């Protein structure tokens, strides 16, 4: 049995082409991410990966729409989004396939 702690991972990414990682692969990326209220990321998109974001707790705004606990947002390649945590928020993010350096800004 292997164990680790999420705080030791790179920005919550624990599976994918990261260091450290629990499974080094380019097939998929998986993260659990925690955000304080007010945290934001600028609009971006992926050319290769589909991003699946599950709102585990909290409330966020993406592209002017609010999402809360239990919502799952699927962002296909070429479709972009911004991100603002309206409350303290926890998300699970899966990117399929894993694609190193596949984040593009406007």
N, C-alpha and C. Protein backbone atom coordinates (compact mmCIF):
# COMPACT_ATOMS: atom_id res chain seq x y z
N UNK A 1 0.85 -1.18 0.00
CA UNK A 1 0.00 0.00 0.00
C UNK A 1 0.89 1.23 0.00
N UNK A 2 0.54 2.18 -0.85
CA UNK A 2 1.26 3.45 -0.93
C UNK A 2 0.38 4.53 -0.34
N UNK A 3 0.97 5.47 0.35
CA UNK A 3 0.21 6.61 0.87
C UNK A 3 0.94 7.90 0.53
N UNK A 4 0.19 8.96 0.51
CA UNK A 4 0.73 10.29 0.25
C UNK A 4 -0.23 11.30 0.86
N UNK A 5 0.12 12.55 0.80
CA UNK A 5 -0.76 13.61 1.28
C UNK A 5 -0.96 14.62 0.17
N UNK A 6 -2.19 15.06 0.01
CA UNK A 6 -2.53 15.99 -1.06
C UNK A 6 -1.68 17.27 -1.00
N UNK A 7 -1.33 17.69 0.19
CA UNK A 7 -0.54 18.92 0.33
C UNK A 7 0.85 18.80 -0.29
N UNK A 8 1.32 17.59 -0.51
CA UNK A 8 2.63 17.37 -1.12
C UNK A 8 2.57 17.40 -2.65
N UNK A 9 1.37 17.40 -3.21
CA UNK A 9 1.21 17.35 -4.65
C UNK A 9 1.26 18.76 -5.26
N UNK A 10 1.53 18.85 -6.54
CA UNK A 10 1.61 20.12 -7.25
C UNK A 10 0.21 20.65 -7.53
N UNK A 11 -0.21 21.70 -6.80
CA UNK A 11 -1.51 22.35 -6.97
C UNK A 11 -2.67 21.36 -6.94
N UNK A 12 -2.53 20.28 -6.17
CA UNK A 12 -3.61 19.30 -6.03
C UNK A 12 -3.60 18.18 -7.06
N UNK A 13 -2.71 18.27 -8.07
CA UNK A 13 -2.64 17.24 -9.11
C UNK A 13 -1.88 16.04 -8.57
N UNK A 14 -2.56 14.89 -8.47
CA UNK A 14 -1.91 13.70 -7.91
C UNK A 14 -1.76 12.56 -8.90
N UNK A 15 -2.39 12.66 -10.07
CA UNK A 15 -2.19 11.71 -11.15
C UNK A 15 -1.92 12.51 -12.42
N UNK A 16 -0.88 12.15 -13.14
CA UNK A 16 -0.56 12.83 -14.39
C UNK A 16 0.93 13.05 -14.52
N UNK A 17 1.30 13.87 -15.47
CA UNK A 17 2.69 14.15 -15.77
C UNK A 17 3.20 15.29 -14.89
N UNK A 18 3.23 15.04 -13.57
CA UNK A 18 3.63 16.03 -12.57
C UNK A 18 4.71 15.42 -11.69
N UNK A 19 5.33 16.25 -10.89
CA UNK A 19 6.27 15.74 -9.90
C UNK A 19 6.09 16.54 -8.62
N UNK A 20 5.75 15.88 -7.54
CA UNK A 20 5.54 14.45 -7.40
C UNK A 20 4.18 14.03 -7.97
N UNK A 21 4.01 12.74 -8.13
CA UNK A 21 2.74 12.17 -8.58
C UNK A 21 2.62 10.76 -8.04
N UNK A 22 1.41 10.26 -7.96
CA UNK A 22 1.20 8.88 -7.54
C UNK A 22 1.15 7.95 -8.74
N UNK A 23 0.95 8.52 -9.92
CA UNK A 23 0.92 7.74 -11.15
C UNK A 23 1.34 8.65 -12.30
N UNK A 24 2.57 8.46 -12.76
CA UNK A 24 3.08 9.27 -13.86
C UNK A 24 2.50 8.76 -15.17
N UNK A 25 1.64 9.57 -15.79
CA UNK A 25 0.99 9.17 -17.03
C UNK A 25 0.58 10.40 -17.81
N UNK A 26 0.50 10.26 -19.11
CA UNK A 26 -0.05 11.32 -19.95
C UNK A 26 -1.46 10.96 -20.40
N UNK A 27 -1.96 9.81 -19.93
CA UNK A 27 -3.29 9.35 -20.32
C UNK A 27 -4.40 10.17 -19.67
N UNK A 28 -4.16 10.65 -18.45
CA UNK A 28 -5.18 11.38 -17.69
C UNK A 28 -4.49 12.23 -16.62
N UNK A 29 -5.16 13.29 -16.20
CA UNK A 29 -4.70 14.10 -15.06
C UNK A 29 -5.85 14.20 -14.08
N UNK A 30 -5.55 14.07 -12.79
CA UNK A 30 -6.59 14.13 -11.76
C UNK A 30 -6.09 15.00 -10.61
N UNK A 31 -6.97 15.89 -10.15
CA UNK A 31 -6.61 16.77 -9.03
C UNK A 31 -7.80 16.98 -8.11
N UNK A 32 -7.50 17.24 -6.86
CA UNK A 32 -8.45 17.80 -5.91
C UNK A 32 -7.89 19.16 -5.55
N UNK A 33 -8.68 20.20 -5.82
CA UNK A 33 -8.19 21.56 -5.67
C UNK A 33 -9.04 22.31 -4.65
N UNK A 34 -8.38 23.06 -3.79
CA UNK A 34 -9.06 23.89 -2.79
C UNK A 34 -8.80 25.35 -3.10
N UNK A 35 -9.86 26.15 -3.08
CA UNK A 35 -9.76 27.58 -3.41
C UNK A 35 -10.38 28.43 -2.31
N UNK A 36 -9.73 29.50 -1.91
CA UNK A 36 -10.38 30.44 -1.00
C UNK A 36 -11.39 31.29 -1.76
N UNK A 37 -12.36 31.84 -1.06
CA UNK A 37 -13.32 32.75 -1.69
C UNK A 37 -12.55 33.89 -2.35
N UNK A 38 -12.95 34.23 -3.56
CA UNK A 38 -12.32 35.32 -4.29
C UNK A 38 -11.21 34.90 -5.24
N UNK A 39 -10.74 33.65 -5.12
CA UNK A 39 -9.70 33.18 -6.03
C UNK A 39 -10.26 33.16 -7.44
N UNK A 40 -9.45 33.57 -8.41
CA UNK A 40 -9.92 33.52 -9.79
C UNK A 40 -8.81 33.11 -10.74
N UNK A 41 -9.20 32.51 -11.84
CA UNK A 41 -8.30 32.18 -12.94
C UNK A 41 -8.85 32.86 -14.18
N UNK A 42 -7.94 33.40 -15.00
CA UNK A 42 -8.41 34.06 -16.20
C UNK A 42 -8.90 33.04 -17.23
N UNK A 43 -9.64 33.53 -18.20
CA UNK A 43 -10.21 32.70 -19.25
C UNK A 43 -9.10 31.92 -19.95
N UNK A 44 -9.34 30.64 -20.15
CA UNK A 44 -8.37 29.78 -20.83
C UNK A 44 -9.11 28.63 -21.51
N UNK A 45 -8.41 27.92 -22.36
CA UNK A 45 -8.98 26.75 -23.02
C UNK A 45 -7.89 25.71 -23.23
N UNK A 46 -8.31 24.52 -23.61
CA UNK A 46 -7.39 23.43 -23.91
C UNK A 46 -7.63 23.01 -25.36
N UNK A 47 -6.56 22.74 -26.08
CA UNK A 47 -6.68 22.30 -27.47
C UNK A 47 -6.88 20.79 -27.57
N UNK A 48 -6.36 20.04 -26.57
CA UNK A 48 -6.38 18.58 -26.64
C UNK A 48 -7.33 17.96 -25.62
N UNK A 49 -7.23 18.39 -24.38
CA UNK A 49 -7.94 17.73 -23.28
C UNK A 49 -9.37 18.21 -23.11
N UNK A 50 -10.24 17.27 -22.71
CA UNK A 50 -11.56 17.61 -22.17
C UNK A 50 -11.37 17.72 -20.66
N UNK A 51 -11.91 18.79 -20.07
CA UNK A 51 -11.78 18.99 -18.63
C UNK A 51 -13.13 18.74 -17.97
N UNK A 52 -13.12 17.89 -16.95
CA UNK A 52 -14.32 17.58 -16.16
C UNK A 52 -14.09 18.17 -14.78
N UNK A 53 -14.94 19.08 -14.35
CA UNK A 53 -14.80 19.71 -13.04
C UNK A 53 -16.04 19.40 -12.22
N UNK A 54 -15.83 18.80 -11.05
CA UNK A 54 -16.91 18.50 -10.11
C UNK A 54 -16.80 19.47 -8.95
N UNK A 55 -17.86 20.16 -8.66
CA UNK A 55 -17.89 21.05 -7.49
C UNK A 55 -18.22 20.17 -6.28
N UNK A 56 -17.21 19.90 -5.46
CA UNK A 56 -17.39 19.04 -4.29
C UNK A 56 -18.05 19.84 -3.16
N UNK A 57 -17.61 21.08 -2.99
CA UNK A 57 -18.23 21.97 -2.00
C UNK A 57 -17.99 23.40 -2.45
N UNK A 58 -18.87 24.28 -2.01
CA UNK A 58 -18.72 25.69 -2.34
C UNK A 58 -19.53 26.11 -3.55
N UNK A 59 -19.24 27.32 -4.01
CA UNK A 59 -19.94 27.90 -5.16
C UNK A 59 -18.94 28.66 -6.01
N UNK A 60 -19.02 28.45 -7.33
CA UNK A 60 -18.11 29.11 -8.26
C UNK A 60 -18.91 29.78 -9.37
N UNK A 61 -18.21 30.64 -10.11
CA UNK A 61 -18.78 31.22 -11.32
C UNK A 61 -17.81 30.93 -12.46
N UNK A 62 -18.37 30.40 -13.54
CA UNK A 62 -17.58 30.10 -14.73
C UNK A 62 -18.37 30.62 -15.93
N UNK A 63 -17.73 31.49 -16.72
CA UNK A 63 -18.40 32.10 -17.88
C UNK A 63 -19.73 32.74 -17.52
N UNK A 64 -19.78 33.41 -16.35
CA UNK A 64 -20.97 34.13 -15.95
C UNK A 64 -22.09 33.27 -15.39
N UNK A 65 -21.84 31.99 -15.23
CA UNK A 65 -22.86 31.08 -14.69
C UNK A 65 -22.38 30.51 -13.36
N UNK A 66 -23.31 30.40 -12.40
CA UNK A 66 -22.97 29.90 -11.07
C UNK A 66 -23.17 28.39 -11.00
N UNK A 67 -22.23 27.75 -10.30
CA UNK A 67 -22.30 26.31 -10.06
C UNK A 67 -22.06 26.07 -8.58
N UNK A 68 -22.68 25.01 -8.05
CA UNK A 68 -22.53 24.71 -6.63
C UNK A 68 -22.36 23.20 -6.42
N UNK A 69 -22.25 22.81 -5.17
CA UNK A 69 -22.00 21.43 -4.78
C UNK A 69 -22.81 20.45 -5.61
N UNK A 70 -22.10 19.49 -6.19
CA UNK A 70 -22.75 18.44 -6.97
C UNK A 70 -22.78 18.71 -8.47
N UNK A 71 -22.56 19.95 -8.89
CA UNK A 71 -22.56 20.25 -10.32
C UNK A 71 -21.29 19.70 -10.97
N UNK A 72 -21.45 19.19 -12.19
CA UNK A 72 -20.32 18.69 -12.97
C UNK A 72 -20.30 19.48 -14.27
N UNK A 73 -19.17 20.09 -14.56
CA UNK A 73 -19.01 20.92 -15.75
C UNK A 73 -18.04 20.21 -16.69
N UNK A 74 -18.45 20.01 -17.93
CA UNK A 74 -17.61 19.35 -18.93
C UNK A 74 -17.23 20.40 -19.98
N UNK A 75 -15.93 20.60 -20.13
CA UNK A 75 -15.42 21.61 -21.05
C UNK A 75 -14.62 20.90 -22.14
N UNK A 76 -15.18 20.79 -23.35
CA UNK A 76 -14.46 20.08 -24.42
C UNK A 76 -13.32 20.92 -24.98
N UNK A 77 -12.42 20.29 -25.72
CA UNK A 77 -11.31 21.02 -26.34
C UNK A 77 -11.83 22.19 -27.18
N UNK A 78 -11.14 23.31 -27.09
CA UNK A 78 -11.50 24.50 -27.86
C UNK A 78 -12.52 25.39 -27.20
N UNK A 79 -13.22 24.90 -26.19
CA UNK A 79 -14.19 25.71 -25.45
C UNK A 79 -13.51 26.22 -24.20
N UNK A 80 -13.60 27.50 -23.93
CA UNK A 80 -12.88 28.07 -22.81
C UNK A 80 -13.75 28.46 -21.65
N UNK A 81 -13.11 28.79 -20.54
CA UNK A 81 -13.82 29.27 -19.36
C UNK A 81 -12.88 30.07 -18.47
N UNK A 82 -13.49 30.93 -17.67
CA UNK A 82 -12.78 31.56 -16.57
C UNK A 82 -13.27 30.86 -15.31
N UNK A 83 -12.81 31.30 -14.15
CA UNK A 83 -13.17 30.62 -12.91
C UNK A 83 -13.03 31.60 -11.76
N UNK A 84 -14.07 31.72 -10.94
CA UNK A 84 -14.01 32.50 -9.71
C UNK A 84 -14.67 31.71 -8.60
N UNK A 85 -13.98 31.52 -7.49
CA UNK A 85 -14.56 30.88 -6.31
C UNK A 85 -15.33 31.95 -5.55
N UNK A 86 -16.65 31.79 -5.47
CA UNK A 86 -17.49 32.77 -4.78
C UNK A 86 -17.48 32.53 -3.27
N UNK A 87 -17.23 31.28 -2.88
CA UNK A 87 -17.10 30.89 -1.48
C UNK A 87 -15.88 29.97 -1.40
N UNK A 88 -15.43 29.61 -0.21
CA UNK A 88 -14.38 28.59 -0.15
C UNK A 88 -14.89 27.35 -0.91
N UNK A 89 -14.08 26.82 -1.79
CA UNK A 89 -14.53 25.79 -2.72
C UNK A 89 -13.53 24.65 -2.84
N UNK A 90 -14.05 23.44 -3.00
CA UNK A 90 -13.24 22.27 -3.30
C UNK A 90 -13.77 21.67 -4.59
N UNK A 91 -12.86 21.38 -5.53
CA UNK A 91 -13.25 20.75 -6.79
C UNK A 91 -12.41 19.49 -7.01
N UNK A 92 -12.97 18.58 -7.79
CA UNK A 92 -12.19 17.48 -8.35
C UNK A 92 -12.14 17.74 -9.84
N UNK A 93 -10.94 17.69 -10.41
CA UNK A 93 -10.75 17.99 -11.83
C UNK A 93 -10.09 16.79 -12.50
N UNK A 94 -10.67 16.38 -13.63
CA UNK A 94 -10.09 15.33 -14.45
C UNK A 94 -9.88 15.90 -15.84
N UNK A 95 -8.68 15.73 -16.38
CA UNK A 95 -8.41 16.14 -17.76
C UNK A 95 -8.06 14.89 -18.55
N UNK A 96 -8.78 14.71 -19.65
CA UNK A 96 -8.65 13.50 -20.45
C UNK A 96 -8.50 13.86 -21.92
N UNK A 97 -7.45 13.49 -22.59
CA UNK A 97 -6.26 12.86 -22.02
C UNK A 97 -5.45 13.89 -21.24
N UNK A 98 -4.50 13.39 -20.48
CA UNK A 98 -3.55 14.29 -19.84
C UNK A 98 -2.75 14.95 -20.96
N UNK A 99 -2.55 16.21 -20.88
CA UNK A 99 -1.86 16.91 -21.98
C UNK A 99 -0.99 18.01 -21.38
N UNK A 100 0.27 17.73 -21.21
CA UNK A 100 1.21 18.69 -20.65
C UNK A 100 1.23 19.96 -21.51
N UNK A 101 1.21 21.11 -20.85
CA UNK A 101 1.26 22.41 -21.53
C UNK A 101 0.10 22.64 -22.50
N UNK A 102 -1.08 22.18 -22.13
CA UNK A 102 -2.28 22.33 -22.98
C UNK A 102 -3.22 23.38 -22.40
N UNK A 103 -2.70 24.45 -21.84
CA UNK A 103 -3.53 25.53 -21.30
C UNK A 103 -3.18 26.79 -22.08
N UNK A 104 -4.19 27.37 -22.72
CA UNK A 104 -3.98 28.54 -23.58
C UNK A 104 -4.85 29.69 -23.10
N UNK A 105 -4.25 30.87 -23.00
CA UNK A 105 -4.99 32.07 -22.61
C UNK A 105 -5.50 32.75 -23.87
N UNK A 106 -6.38 33.72 -23.70
CA UNK A 106 -6.97 34.45 -24.85
C UNK A 106 -5.98 34.81 -25.90
